[in-house]
Amino acid sequence: MMLGIAFASTSDAASDGRDRAAFIEAHRRAVVTQLNSIHLRGPRSTSRDRFLAVSVVRADQRYVQYIFFDGDTKMYCEASSGAYAQAPDATDHLLSASSKAALHRLGFVQTSPKQNYEREISLGTPPDFDAVADLMIGALHDAYEARETTPLNFRAPRAILTRNACPGPVS
């Protein structure tokens, strides 16, 4: 009996790992394309409007956003804690313990319950946007329960996308 339980949980973990990989693969190109567009467009001397925010459609408090700084050598990353919800008395914006743990595993910290989770990433030279995309999309999967069929919103005011750019599944 114990062997069957161990096998089931191992199988569930493997299935979740495949689901996570599929979700990241479904959205990586859209994130990388937009980050690269922002990076190439500049100006690198300012961070103003040089960000990408990705959120779950119709779930305002399920988002991650990254902004370039330090001449595009780093990105400041923020994951929603629900602290900035429009209706402060609503409970649907609160993160579960497992969501908080997922953000911590991904390196995000929350310095105050009234703030979002945050972290910084060094981009390298040339910038490694695949790693940033994997972290960004992974956070949506792990903390906000987004899956491969979950529609996402992308907001990147400074990105210029070509006609052939792959925006990923959106609605």
N, C-alpha and C. Protein backbone atom coordinates (compact mmCIF):
# COMPACT_ATOMS: atom_id res chain seq x y z
N MET A 1 0.83 -1.19 0.00
CA MET A 1 0.00 0.00 0.00
C MET A 1 0.87 1.25 0.00
N MET A 2 1.91 1.30 0.79
CA MET A 2 2.80 2.45 0.85
C MET A 2 3.47 2.68 -0.49
N LEU A 3 3.84 1.62 -1.18
CA LEU A 3 4.50 1.75 -2.47
C LEU A 3 3.58 2.45 -3.46
N GLY A 4 2.30 2.12 -3.46
CA GLY A 4 1.34 2.76 -4.36
C GLY A 4 1.20 4.25 -4.06
N ILE A 5 1.22 4.65 -2.82
CA ILE A 5 1.13 6.06 -2.44
C ILE A 5 2.37 6.80 -2.89
N ALA A 6 3.54 6.21 -2.66
CA ALA A 6 4.79 6.84 -3.08
C ALA A 6 4.82 6.98 -4.59
N PHE A 7 4.35 5.96 -5.30
CA PHE A 7 4.34 6.01 -6.76
C PHE A 7 3.39 7.11 -7.25
N ALA A 8 2.22 7.22 -6.62
CA ALA A 8 1.25 8.24 -7.03
C ALA A 8 1.80 9.64 -6.83
N SER A 9 2.45 9.91 -5.69
CA SER A 9 2.98 11.25 -5.47
C SER A 9 4.15 11.54 -6.39
N THR A 10 4.95 10.52 -6.69
CA THR A 10 6.05 10.71 -7.65
C THR A 10 5.48 10.99 -9.03
N SER A 11 4.42 10.27 -9.39
CA SER A 11 3.77 10.49 -10.68
C SER A 11 3.15 11.88 -10.75
N ASP A 12 2.52 12.33 -9.66
CA ASP A 12 1.94 13.67 -9.61
C ASP A 12 3.01 14.74 -9.77
N ALA A 13 4.14 14.55 -9.11
CA ALA A 13 5.24 15.51 -9.21
C ALA A 13 5.78 15.56 -10.64
N ALA A 14 5.91 14.39 -11.26
CA ALA A 14 6.41 14.34 -12.63
C ALA A 14 5.42 15.02 -13.58
N SER A 15 4.11 14.78 -13.35
CA SER A 15 3.09 15.40 -14.18
C SER A 15 3.11 16.92 -14.02
N ASP A 16 3.23 17.40 -12.78
CA ASP A 16 3.29 18.84 -12.53
C ASP A 16 4.54 19.44 -13.18
N GLY A 17 5.66 18.72 -13.14
CA GLY A 17 6.88 19.19 -13.80
C GLY A 17 6.70 19.31 -15.30
N ARG A 18 5.99 18.34 -15.90
CA ARG A 18 5.70 18.41 -17.34
C ARG A 18 4.75 19.56 -17.64
N ASP A 19 3.74 19.75 -16.77
CA ASP A 19 2.80 20.86 -16.95
C ASP A 19 3.53 22.20 -16.87
N ARG A 20 4.43 22.32 -15.92
CA ARG A 20 5.20 23.55 -15.75
C ARG A 20 6.06 23.82 -16.97
N ALA A 21 6.74 22.78 -17.44
CA ALA A 21 7.61 22.92 -18.62
C ALA A 21 6.80 23.32 -19.85
N ALA A 22 5.61 22.73 -20.01
CA ALA A 22 4.75 23.07 -21.15
C ALA A 22 4.27 24.51 -21.06
N PHE A 23 3.92 24.95 -19.85
CA PHE A 23 3.46 26.33 -19.66
C PHE A 23 4.58 27.32 -19.98
N ILE A 24 5.76 27.04 -19.49
CA ILE A 24 6.91 27.92 -19.76
C ILE A 24 7.19 27.94 -21.26
N GLU A 25 7.20 26.79 -21.89
CA GLU A 25 7.47 26.72 -23.32
C GLU A 25 6.41 27.47 -24.13
N ALA A 26 5.17 27.41 -23.70
CA ALA A 26 4.09 28.09 -24.42
C ALA A 26 4.23 29.61 -24.41
N HIS A 27 4.89 30.15 -23.38
CA HIS A 27 4.94 31.61 -23.23
C HIS A 27 6.35 32.21 -23.30
N ARG A 28 7.39 31.38 -23.30
CA ARG A 28 8.76 31.89 -23.28
C ARG A 28 9.04 32.84 -24.44
N ARG A 29 8.67 32.46 -25.65
CA ARG A 29 8.99 33.28 -26.81
C ARG A 29 8.39 34.68 -26.70
N ALA A 30 7.15 34.76 -26.23
CA ALA A 30 6.50 36.07 -26.09
C ALA A 30 7.26 36.95 -25.10
N VAL A 31 7.65 36.38 -23.98
CA VAL A 31 8.38 37.15 -22.97
C VAL A 31 9.75 37.57 -23.49
N VAL A 32 10.50 36.64 -24.06
CA VAL A 32 11.84 36.94 -24.56
C VAL A 32 11.77 37.99 -25.67
N THR A 33 10.81 37.86 -26.57
CA THR A 33 10.67 38.82 -27.67
C THR A 33 10.42 40.23 -27.14
N GLN A 34 9.56 40.35 -26.16
CA GLN A 34 9.24 41.67 -25.62
C GLN A 34 10.40 42.25 -24.81
N LEU A 35 11.06 41.42 -24.00
CA LEU A 35 12.22 41.91 -23.24
C LEU A 35 13.33 42.36 -24.19
N ASN A 36 13.57 41.59 -25.23
CA ASN A 36 14.61 41.96 -26.19
C ASN A 36 14.26 43.26 -26.91
N SER A 37 13.00 43.44 -27.26
CA SER A 37 12.57 44.67 -27.92
C SER A 37 12.79 45.88 -27.01
N ILE A 38 12.43 45.75 -25.75
CA ILE A 38 12.62 46.84 -24.79
C ILE A 38 14.11 47.14 -24.65
N HIS A 39 14.91 46.10 -24.52
CA HIS A 39 16.36 46.25 -24.36
C HIS A 39 16.98 46.96 -25.56
N LEU A 40 16.62 46.55 -26.76
CA LEU A 40 17.20 47.13 -27.96
C LEU A 40 16.71 48.55 -28.21
N ARG A 41 15.51 48.85 -27.79
CA ARG A 41 14.93 50.15 -28.06
C ARG A 41 15.53 51.24 -27.18
N GLY A 42 15.89 50.92 -25.94
CA GLY A 42 16.49 51.93 -25.09
C GLY A 42 15.52 53.03 -24.72
N PRO A 43 15.97 54.13 -24.19
CA PRO A 43 17.35 54.39 -23.78
C PRO A 43 17.68 53.66 -22.48
N ARG A 44 18.85 53.13 -22.42
CA ARG A 44 19.27 52.33 -21.27
C ARG A 44 19.62 53.18 -20.06
N SER A 45 19.65 54.48 -20.22
CA SER A 45 19.98 55.36 -19.10
C SER A 45 18.79 55.60 -18.17
N THR A 46 17.61 55.14 -18.56
CA THR A 46 16.42 55.34 -17.73
C THR A 46 15.63 54.04 -17.64
N SER A 47 14.84 53.92 -16.59
CA SER A 47 13.96 52.76 -16.44
C SER A 47 12.52 53.10 -16.83
N ARG A 48 12.24 54.35 -17.05
CA ARG A 48 10.88 54.80 -17.31
C ARG A 48 10.21 54.00 -18.44
N ASP A 49 9.11 53.36 -18.12
CA ASP A 49 8.31 52.57 -19.07
C ASP A 49 9.06 51.41 -19.71
N ARG A 50 10.20 51.04 -19.16
CA ARG A 50 10.99 49.95 -19.73
C ARG A 50 10.76 48.68 -18.91
N PHE A 51 9.50 48.24 -18.92
CA PHE A 51 9.12 47.09 -18.10
C PHE A 51 8.22 46.15 -18.90
N LEU A 52 8.08 44.96 -18.36
CA LEU A 52 7.13 43.99 -18.87
C LEU A 52 6.34 43.47 -17.68
N ALA A 53 5.03 43.54 -17.78
CA ALA A 53 4.14 42.99 -16.76
C ALA A 53 3.32 41.90 -17.43
N VAL A 54 3.25 40.75 -16.79
CA VAL A 54 2.46 39.63 -17.30
C VAL A 54 1.50 39.22 -16.20
N SER A 55 0.22 39.16 -16.55
CA SER A 55 -0.79 38.83 -15.55
C SER A 55 -1.76 37.79 -16.09
N VAL A 56 -2.40 37.12 -15.17
CA VAL A 56 -3.45 36.18 -15.52
C VAL A 56 -4.69 37.01 -15.87
N VAL A 57 -5.31 36.72 -17.00
CA VAL A 57 -6.50 37.45 -17.44
C VAL A 57 -7.59 37.34 -16.37
N ARG A 58 -8.24 38.45 -16.10
CA ARG A 58 -9.33 38.58 -15.13
C ARG A 58 -8.91 38.21 -13.70
N ALA A 59 -7.65 38.41 -13.38
CA ALA A 59 -7.17 38.17 -12.02
C ALA A 59 -6.12 39.23 -11.72
N ASP A 60 -6.58 40.43 -11.38
CA ASP A 60 -5.70 41.58 -11.24
C ASP A 60 -4.52 41.36 -10.30
N GLN A 61 -4.67 40.55 -9.28
CA GLN A 61 -3.61 40.38 -8.30
C GLN A 61 -2.76 39.14 -8.55
N ARG A 62 -2.76 38.65 -9.77
CA ARG A 62 -1.92 37.50 -10.15
C ARG A 62 -1.02 37.94 -11.30
N TYR A 63 0.09 38.58 -10.92
CA TYR A 63 0.98 39.12 -11.95
C TYR A 63 2.43 39.12 -11.46
N VAL A 64 3.31 39.21 -12.45
CA VAL A 64 4.73 39.47 -12.21
C VAL A 64 5.12 40.59 -13.16
N GLN A 65 6.06 41.43 -12.72
CA GLN A 65 6.54 42.51 -13.59
C GLN A 65 8.02 42.73 -13.35
N TYR A 66 8.70 43.03 -14.44
CA TYR A 66 10.15 43.20 -14.40
C TYR A 66 10.48 44.51 -15.10
N ILE A 67 11.42 45.26 -14.51
CA ILE A 67 11.84 46.53 -15.11
C ILE A 67 13.37 46.55 -15.19
N PHE A 68 13.86 47.05 -16.31
CA PHE A 68 15.30 47.18 -16.50
C PHE A 68 15.84 48.32 -15.64
N PHE A 69 17.07 48.16 -15.17
CA PHE A 69 17.76 49.27 -14.52
C PHE A 69 19.26 49.02 -14.60
N ASP A 70 20.02 50.00 -14.13
CA ASP A 70 21.48 49.94 -14.13
C ASP A 70 22.04 49.66 -15.54
N GLY A 71 21.56 50.48 -16.50
CA GLY A 71 22.04 50.35 -17.88
C GLY A 71 21.71 49.01 -18.51
N ASP A 72 20.61 48.41 -18.13
CA ASP A 72 20.14 47.12 -18.63
C ASP A 72 21.03 45.95 -18.21
N THR A 73 21.79 46.12 -17.15
CA THR A 73 22.59 45.01 -16.64
C THR A 73 21.82 44.21 -15.59
N LYS A 74 20.70 44.79 -15.11
CA LYS A 74 19.90 44.15 -14.07
C LYS A 74 18.42 44.39 -14.33
N MET A 75 17.61 43.56 -13.67
CA MET A 75 16.16 43.76 -13.68
C MET A 75 15.66 43.68 -12.25
N TYR A 76 14.76 44.58 -11.93
CA TYR A 76 14.03 44.54 -10.66
C TYR A 76 12.76 43.75 -10.95
N CYS A 77 12.49 42.77 -10.13
CA CYS A 77 11.36 41.88 -10.35
C CYS A 77 10.38 42.00 -9.20
N GLU A 78 9.11 41.98 -9.53
CA GLU A 78 8.08 42.10 -8.53
C GLU A 78 6.99 41.07 -8.83
N ALA A 79 6.53 40.38 -7.79
CA ALA A 79 5.43 39.44 -7.90
C ALA A 79 4.34 39.89 -6.93
N SER A 80 3.12 39.87 -7.39
CA SER A 80 2.02 40.39 -6.59
C SER A 80 1.84 39.62 -5.28
N SER A 81 1.65 40.38 -4.23
CA SER A 81 1.33 39.81 -2.93
C SER A 81 -0.16 39.94 -2.63
N GLY A 82 -0.84 40.75 -3.45
CA GLY A 82 -2.24 41.07 -3.19
C GLY A 82 -2.40 42.32 -2.34
N ALA A 83 -1.29 42.89 -1.91
CA ALA A 83 -1.33 44.06 -1.02
C ALA A 83 -1.94 45.28 -1.67
N TYR A 84 -1.94 45.33 -2.98
CA TYR A 84 -2.45 46.52 -3.68
C TYR A 84 -3.81 46.26 -4.31
N ALA A 85 -4.55 45.31 -3.79
CA ALA A 85 -5.87 44.99 -4.32
C ALA A 85 -6.79 46.20 -4.24
N GLN A 86 -7.67 46.32 -5.21
CA GLN A 86 -8.60 47.45 -5.25
C GLN A 86 -9.54 47.47 -4.05
N ALA A 87 -9.99 46.30 -3.64
CA ALA A 87 -10.90 46.20 -2.49
C ALA A 87 -10.13 45.59 -1.32
N PRO A 88 -9.63 46.43 -0.40
CA PRO A 88 -8.79 45.93 0.68
C PRO A 88 -9.45 44.90 1.58
N ASP A 89 -10.78 44.89 1.62
CA ASP A 89 -11.46 43.93 2.48
C ASP A 89 -11.73 42.59 1.78
N ALA A 90 -11.46 42.52 0.48
CA ALA A 90 -11.67 41.27 -0.25
C ALA A 90 -10.59 40.26 0.12
N THR A 91 -10.97 39.00 0.16
CA THR A 91 -10.00 37.96 0.53
C THR A 91 -9.51 37.18 -0.67
N ASP A 92 -10.09 37.39 -1.87
CA ASP A 92 -9.68 36.61 -3.03
C ASP A 92 -8.30 36.99 -3.54
N HIS A 93 -7.74 38.08 -3.06
CA HIS A 93 -6.42 38.51 -3.50
C HIS A 93 -5.30 37.95 -2.61
N LEU A 94 -5.66 37.34 -1.50
CA LEU A 94 -4.64 36.83 -0.58
C LEU A 94 -3.98 35.58 -1.12
N LEU A 95 -2.67 35.50 -0.95
CA LEU A 95 -1.93 34.33 -1.42
C LEU A 95 -2.01 33.21 -0.39
N SER A 96 -2.08 32.00 -0.88
CA SER A 96 -2.06 30.83 -0.01
C SER A 96 -0.64 30.61 0.50
N ALA A 97 -0.52 29.78 1.52
CA ALA A 97 0.80 29.45 2.06
C ALA A 97 1.66 28.79 0.99
N SER A 98 1.06 27.95 0.14
CA SER A 98 1.85 27.29 -0.91
C SER A 98 2.31 28.29 -1.97
N SER A 99 1.49 29.30 -2.26
CA SER A 99 1.90 30.34 -3.21
C SER A 99 3.06 31.16 -2.66
N LYS A 100 2.97 31.51 -1.39
CA LYS A 100 4.07 32.25 -0.75
C LYS A 100 5.35 31.42 -0.75
N ALA A 101 5.22 30.15 -0.44
CA ALA A 101 6.39 29.26 -0.43
C ALA A 101 7.00 29.15 -1.83
N ALA A 102 6.15 29.10 -2.86
CA ALA A 102 6.65 29.02 -4.24
C ALA A 102 7.45 30.27 -4.59
N LEU A 103 6.95 31.44 -4.22
CA LEU A 103 7.69 32.67 -4.50
C LEU A 103 9.02 32.70 -3.75
N HIS A 104 9.03 32.23 -2.52
CA HIS A 104 10.29 32.16 -1.76
C HIS A 104 11.28 31.22 -2.43
N ARG A 105 10.80 30.07 -2.92
CA ARG A 105 11.69 29.12 -3.62
C ARG A 105 12.30 29.76 -4.86
N LEU A 106 11.58 30.67 -5.48
CA LEU A 106 12.07 31.34 -6.68
C LEU A 106 12.93 32.56 -6.36
N GLY A 107 13.19 32.80 -5.08
CA GLY A 107 14.09 33.87 -4.69
C GLY A 107 13.42 35.19 -4.38
N PHE A 108 12.10 35.23 -4.38
CA PHE A 108 11.39 36.46 -4.06
C PHE A 108 11.28 36.61 -2.55
N VAL A 109 11.36 37.85 -2.07
CA VAL A 109 11.21 38.14 -0.65
C VAL A 109 10.16 39.25 -0.51
N GLN A 110 9.53 39.26 0.64
CA GLN A 110 8.57 40.31 0.96
C GLN A 110 9.04 40.98 2.23
N THR A 111 9.43 42.24 2.12
CA THR A 111 9.98 42.94 3.27
C THR A 111 8.92 43.49 4.20
N SER A 112 7.67 43.58 3.71
CA SER A 112 6.55 44.06 4.52
C SER A 112 5.27 43.46 3.97
N PRO A 113 4.32 43.11 4.82
CA PRO A 113 3.05 42.58 4.33
C PRO A 113 2.27 43.57 3.45
N LYS A 114 2.65 44.83 3.50
CA LYS A 114 1.98 45.85 2.69
C LYS A 114 2.67 46.07 1.35
N GLN A 115 3.63 45.21 1.01
CA GLN A 115 4.37 45.35 -0.24
C GLN A 115 4.31 44.04 -1.03
N ASN A 116 4.73 44.13 -2.29
CA ASN A 116 4.81 42.95 -3.13
C ASN A 116 6.10 42.18 -2.85
N TYR A 117 6.18 40.99 -3.40
CA TYR A 117 7.41 40.20 -3.34
C TYR A 117 8.37 40.78 -4.37
N GLU A 118 9.66 40.74 -4.08
CA GLU A 118 10.63 41.34 -4.99
C GLU A 118 11.93 40.56 -5.01
N ARG A 119 12.69 40.83 -6.05
CA ARG A 119 14.06 40.32 -6.18
C ARG A 119 14.73 41.04 -7.34
N GLU A 120 16.04 40.95 -7.40
CA GLU A 120 16.80 41.52 -8.50
C GLU A 120 17.49 40.39 -9.24
N ILE A 121 17.67 40.61 -10.54
CA ILE A 121 18.36 39.62 -11.39
C ILE A 121 19.45 40.34 -12.15
N SER A 122 20.65 39.77 -12.15
CA SER A 122 21.71 40.23 -13.04
C SER A 122 21.49 39.56 -14.38
N LEU A 123 21.54 40.34 -15.45
CA LEU A 123 21.20 39.82 -16.77
C LEU A 123 22.37 39.17 -17.50
N GLY A 124 23.59 39.58 -17.19
CA GLY A 124 24.74 39.06 -17.93
C GLY A 124 24.94 39.80 -19.24
N THR A 125 26.02 39.47 -19.92
CA THR A 125 26.34 40.08 -21.21
C THR A 125 26.67 38.98 -22.21
N PRO A 126 25.88 38.80 -23.23
CA PRO A 126 24.63 39.48 -23.53
C PRO A 126 23.55 39.08 -22.52
N PRO A 127 22.47 39.84 -22.45
CA PRO A 127 21.42 39.54 -21.47
C PRO A 127 20.80 38.16 -21.71
N ASP A 128 20.59 37.43 -20.63
CA ASP A 128 19.98 36.10 -20.71
C ASP A 128 18.48 36.22 -20.47
N PHE A 129 17.75 36.54 -21.52
CA PHE A 129 16.31 36.72 -21.38
C PHE A 129 15.56 35.41 -21.23
N ASP A 130 16.15 34.30 -21.67
CA ASP A 130 15.51 33.00 -21.47
C ASP A 130 15.38 32.70 -19.98
N ALA A 131 16.44 32.97 -19.22
CA ALA A 131 16.39 32.71 -17.77
C ALA A 131 15.36 33.62 -17.09
N VAL A 132 15.29 34.87 -17.53
CA VAL A 132 14.30 35.80 -16.97
C VAL A 132 12.90 35.31 -17.30
N ALA A 133 12.68 34.91 -18.55
CA ALA A 133 11.36 34.42 -18.97
C ALA A 133 10.96 33.19 -18.17
N ASP A 134 11.89 32.28 -17.98
CA ASP A 134 11.59 31.06 -17.23
C ASP A 134 11.20 31.39 -15.79
N LEU A 135 11.89 32.34 -15.19
CA LEU A 135 11.56 32.75 -13.82
C LEU A 135 10.19 33.44 -13.78
N MET A 136 9.96 34.34 -14.72
CA MET A 136 8.71 35.09 -14.77
C MET A 136 7.52 34.15 -14.98
N ILE A 137 7.62 33.31 -15.97
CA ILE A 137 6.52 32.40 -16.29
C ILE A 137 6.39 31.32 -15.21
N GLY A 138 7.53 30.87 -14.69
CA GLY A 138 7.51 29.89 -13.61
C GLY A 138 6.79 30.42 -12.38
N ALA A 139 6.97 31.69 -12.08
CA ALA A 139 6.27 32.30 -10.93
C ALA A 139 4.76 32.31 -11.16
N LEU A 140 4.34 32.59 -12.39
CA LEU A 140 2.90 32.56 -12.68
C LEU A 140 2.34 31.16 -12.49
N HIS A 141 3.10 30.16 -12.90
CA HIS A 141 2.67 28.77 -12.75
C HIS A 141 2.67 28.35 -11.29
N ASP A 142 3.78 28.57 -10.63
CA ASP A 142 3.97 28.02 -9.28
C ASP A 142 3.15 28.75 -8.22
N ALA A 143 3.10 30.07 -8.30
CA ALA A 143 2.44 30.85 -7.25
C ALA A 143 1.00 31.22 -7.56
N TYR A 144 0.67 31.37 -8.85
CA TYR A 144 -0.65 31.86 -9.21
C TYR A 144 -1.48 30.84 -9.99
N GLU A 145 -1.00 29.61 -10.04
CA GLU A 145 -1.71 28.48 -10.62
C GLU A 145 -2.07 28.64 -12.09
N ALA A 146 -1.31 29.42 -12.83
CA ALA A 146 -1.52 29.55 -14.27
C ALA A 146 -1.05 28.26 -14.94
N ARG A 147 -1.77 27.83 -15.96
CA ARG A 147 -1.45 26.61 -16.67
C ARG A 147 -1.37 26.90 -18.16
N GLU A 148 -1.02 25.92 -18.95
CA GLU A 148 -0.77 26.12 -20.38
C GLU A 148 -1.94 26.79 -21.09
N THR A 149 -3.15 26.49 -20.70
CA THR A 149 -4.33 27.08 -21.35
C THR A 149 -4.80 28.37 -20.70
N THR A 150 -4.12 28.82 -19.64
CA THR A 150 -4.50 30.05 -18.96
C THR A 150 -4.16 31.26 -19.83
N PRO A 151 -5.14 32.08 -20.17
CA PRO A 151 -4.83 33.27 -20.97
C PRO A 151 -4.09 34.32 -20.12
N LEU A 152 -3.10 34.95 -20.73
CA LEU A 152 -2.28 35.94 -20.05
C LEU A 152 -2.40 37.29 -20.74
N ASN A 153 -2.24 38.35 -19.97
CA ASN A 153 -2.11 39.72 -20.50
C ASN A 153 -0.65 40.11 -20.45
N PHE A 154 -0.16 40.75 -21.50
CA PHE A 154 1.20 41.25 -21.56
C PHE A 154 1.14 42.76 -21.67
N ARG A 155 1.88 43.45 -20.83
CA ARG A 155 1.93 44.92 -20.90
C ARG A 155 3.39 45.34 -20.94
N ALA A 156 3.78 45.94 -22.05
CA ALA A 156 5.16 46.40 -22.24
C ALA A 156 5.12 47.65 -23.11
N PRO A 157 4.96 48.83 -22.49
CA PRO A 157 4.80 50.07 -23.26
C PRO A 157 5.95 50.36 -24.23
N ARG A 158 7.15 49.94 -23.92
CA ARG A 158 8.29 50.27 -24.78
C ARG A 158 8.65 49.18 -25.77
N ALA A 159 7.94 48.08 -25.77
CA ALA A 159 8.23 47.00 -26.71
C ALA A 159 7.59 47.31 -28.06
N ILE A 160 8.33 47.04 -29.11
CA ILE A 160 7.81 47.16 -30.47
C ILE A 160 7.92 45.76 -31.07
N LEU A 161 6.78 45.19 -31.37
CA LEU A 161 6.77 43.83 -31.89
C LEU A 161 6.53 43.83 -33.39
N THR A 162 7.22 42.95 -34.08
CA THR A 162 7.02 42.80 -35.51
C THR A 162 5.74 42.01 -35.76
N ARG A 163 5.30 41.99 -37.01
CA ARG A 163 4.10 41.22 -37.36
C ARG A 163 4.29 39.74 -37.06
N ASN A 164 5.50 39.25 -37.15
CA ASN A 164 5.77 37.82 -36.94
C ASN A 164 6.04 37.48 -35.49
N ALA A 165 6.00 38.46 -34.60
CA ALA A 165 6.26 38.19 -33.20
C ALA A 165 5.17 37.28 -32.63
N CYS A 166 5.57 36.43 -31.74
CA CYS A 166 4.64 35.49 -31.13
C CYS A 166 4.20 36.03 -29.78
N PRO A 167 2.97 36.59 -29.68
CA PRO A 167 2.55 37.16 -28.42
C PRO A 167 2.12 36.12 -27.39
N GLY A 168 2.02 34.87 -27.76
CA GLY A 168 1.58 33.85 -26.82
C GLY A 168 0.07 33.87 -26.71
N PRO A 169 -0.48 32.88 -26.04
CA PRO A 169 -1.95 32.84 -25.89
C PRO A 169 -2.43 33.99 -25.02
N VAL A 170 -3.24 34.85 -25.57
CA VAL A 170 -3.80 35.97 -24.82
C VAL A 170 -5.29 36.04 -25.10
N SER A 171 -5.98 36.81 -24.28
CA SER A 171 -7.40 37.00 -24.59
C SER A 171 -7.79 38.41 -24.26
